[in-house]
Amino acid sequence: MRKTVLAAALLALSACAPPAPQSAAPTCVAPLAPALQVDLYFGLVTKGREIGEAAWAAFLGEEVTPRFPDGLSVIDVAGQYRTPAGRITRERSKLLIVVVLDAPAHLLKVQAIVDAYKRKFDQLSVLRVERAICAAF
């Protein structure tokens, strides 16, 4: 009986254990190599008006391309978020995707882009997602 109770207690405790950490770099099969995908979501509404395509293109050319000249992708997306006041807001957004092989050298470049966007367009935040991937160019 003691063994059964002990086994049940150990099983219950193991259910509370945090998952094992994932490897920082995935195992990639050639020609793929470990890389990092950085996704930045930029809202296009500021002070009640929409940031136009010309202003976005200028920002991309002045702040993003010089930092990641080897390539990037931009996708138009429909965004939604909760304001600090608790209201749900929907707005057009831009999703910037950059794949970097030089992690962590990208960190300062990405932060500079985020800071420049927030300052230039009076934004509260830019959503940033990073994930380890396998990539080949």
Protein backbone atom coordinates (compact mmCIF):
# COMPACT_ATOMS: atom_id res chain seq x y z
CA MET A 1 0.00 0.00 0.00
CA ARG A 2 2.83 2.41 0.86
CA LYS A 3 4.41 1.85 -2.56
CA THR A 4 1.11 2.68 -4.27
CA VAL A 5 0.67 5.89 -2.26
CA LEU A 6 4.32 6.87 -2.87
CA ALA A 7 3.99 6.19 -6.60
CA ALA A 8 0.77 8.24 -6.78
CA ALA A 9 2.41 11.13 -4.89
CA LEU A 10 5.45 11.10 -7.19
CA LEU A 11 3.21 11.00 -10.24
CA ALA A 12 1.20 13.97 -8.95
CA LEU A 13 4.36 15.95 -8.20
CA SER A 14 5.83 15.22 -11.62
CA ALA A 15 2.72 16.72 -13.24
CA CYS A 16 3.63 20.03 -11.57
CA ALA A 17 7.20 20.06 -12.83
CA PRO A 18 8.00 22.62 -15.51
CA PRO A 19 8.61 21.23 -18.99
CA ALA A 20 12.18 20.47 -19.98
CA PRO A 21 13.78 23.49 -21.69
CA GLN A 22 13.95 23.33 -25.46
CA SER A 23 17.27 23.57 -27.19
CA ALA A 24 18.13 27.16 -28.13
CA ALA A 25 19.21 26.05 -31.59
CA PRO A 26 17.21 23.44 -33.47
CA THR A 27 18.88 20.45 -35.07
CA CYS A 28 19.01 21.34 -38.76
CA VAL A 29 19.62 19.08 -41.72
CA ALA A 30 21.95 20.47 -44.42
CA PRO A 31 21.64 22.70 -46.32
CA LEU A 32 19.58 24.28 -43.53
CA ALA A 33 21.41 26.01 -40.66
CA PRO A 34 20.25 27.30 -37.28
CA ALA A 35 18.77 30.78 -37.60
CA LEU A 36 16.40 33.11 -35.81
CA GLN A 37 13.12 34.48 -37.16
CA VAL A 38 12.20 37.91 -35.84
CA ASP A 39 8.62 39.09 -36.32
CA LEU A 40 7.70 42.70 -35.57
CA TYR A 41 4.08 43.87 -35.66
CA PHE A 42 3.63 47.60 -36.31
CA GLY A 43 0.21 49.18 -35.75
CA LEU A 44 -0.71 51.78 -38.38
CA VAL A 45 -2.94 54.12 -36.37
CA THR A 46 -1.53 57.04 -34.40
CA LYS A 47 -3.46 59.83 -32.73
CA GLY A 48 -6.65 58.76 -34.49
CA ARG A 49 -5.18 58.80 -38.00
CA GLU A 50 -3.69 56.06 -40.14
CA ILE A 51 -0.01 55.96 -41.04
CA GLY A 52 0.03 55.98 -44.84
CA GLU A 53 1.98 53.80 -47.24
CA ALA A 54 4.42 56.62 -48.06
CA ALA A 55 5.26 57.16 -44.38
CA TRP A 56 5.65 53.39 -43.86
CA ALA A 57 7.89 53.09 -46.95
CA ALA A 58 10.05 55.97 -45.70
CA PHE A 59 10.40 54.32 -42.28
CA LEU A 60 11.29 51.01 -43.90
CA GLY A 61 13.92 52.68 -46.09
CA GLU A 62 15.43 54.84 -43.36
CA GLU A 63 15.32 52.57 -40.30
CA VAL A 64 14.89 48.93 -41.32
CA THR A 65 16.67 48.32 -44.62
CA PRO A 66 20.00 49.86 -43.48
CA ARG A 67 19.99 47.49 -40.48
CA PHE A 68 18.97 44.38 -42.45
CA PRO A 69 20.10 44.98 -46.03
CA ASP A 70 20.33 41.26 -46.87
CA GLY A 71 16.57 40.86 -46.95
CA LEU A 72 13.25 41.02 -45.14
CA SER A 73 9.55 40.56 -45.76
CA VAL A 74 6.60 42.82 -45.00
CA ILE A 75 3.03 41.55 -44.88
CA ASP A 76 -0.19 43.58 -44.44
CA VAL A 77 -2.15 42.16 -41.50
CA ALA A 78 -5.29 42.98 -39.54
CA GLY A 79 -4.38 43.54 -35.89
CA GLN A 80 -6.32 43.62 -32.66
CA TYR A 81 -5.26 44.51 -29.12
CA ARG A 82 -6.61 45.64 -25.75
CA THR A 83 -5.88 49.27 -24.85
CA PRO A 84 -4.64 50.19 -21.35
CA ALA A 85 -8.24 51.34 -20.70
CA GLY A 86 -9.47 47.80 -21.49
CA ARG A 87 -11.09 48.53 -24.86
CA ILE A 88 -10.54 46.18 -27.83
CA THR A 89 -9.10 48.07 -30.80
CA ARG A 90 -8.65 46.80 -34.35
CA GLU A 91 -6.27 48.34 -36.85
CA ARG A 92 -4.34 47.65 -40.00
CA SER A 93 -0.80 46.61 -39.22
CA LYS A 94 2.46 45.65 -40.90
CA LEU A 95 4.26 42.42 -40.06
CA LEU A 96 8.00 42.66 -40.63
CA ILE A 97 9.81 39.31 -40.84
CA VAL A 98 13.58 39.08 -40.72
CA VAL A 99 15.61 35.85 -40.64
CA VAL A 100 19.01 36.32 -39.04
CA LEU A 101 21.99 34.00 -38.90
CA ASP A 102 24.03 36.29 -36.66
CA ALA A 103 22.11 35.99 -33.40
CA PRO A 104 22.59 37.72 -30.94
CA ALA A 105 24.14 40.51 -33.07
CA HIS A 106 20.62 41.38 -34.26
CA LEU A 107 19.41 42.43 -30.80
CA LEU A 108 20.56 46.06 -30.92
CA LYS A 109 19.38 46.48 -34.52
CA VAL A 110 15.88 45.20 -33.72
CA GLN A 111 15.59 47.32 -30.59
CA ALA A 112 16.68 50.42 -32.54
CA ILE A 113 13.91 49.76 -35.10
CA VAL A 114 11.29 49.32 -32.36
CA ASP A 115 12.42 52.46 -30.55
CA ALA A 116 12.48 54.52 -33.76
CA TYR A 117 8.94 53.43 -34.71
CA LYS A 118 7.51 54.18 -31.28
CA ARG A 119 9.17 57.61 -31.26
CA LYS A 120 8.36 58.57 -34.86
CA PHE A 121 4.71 57.45 -34.83
CA ASP A 122 3.90 57.97 -31.12
CA GLN A 123 3.18 54.27 -30.50
CA LEU A 124 2.93 52.57 -27.10
CA SER A 125 4.43 49.32 -28.29
CA VAL A 126 5.58 47.11 -31.13
CA LEU A 127 4.90 43.38 -30.73
CA ARG A 128 8.13 41.39 -31.09
CA VAL A 129 8.29 37.61 -31.50
CA GLU A 130 11.49 35.61 -31.93
CA ARG A 131 11.88 31.90 -32.57
CA ALA A 132 14.70 29.51 -33.39
CA ILE A 133 14.33 28.01 -36.87
CA CYS A 134 16.28 26.23 -39.59
CA ALA A 135 16.93 28.26 -42.75
CA ALA A 136 18.99 28.30 -45.94
CA PHE A 137 19.56 31.14 -48.39
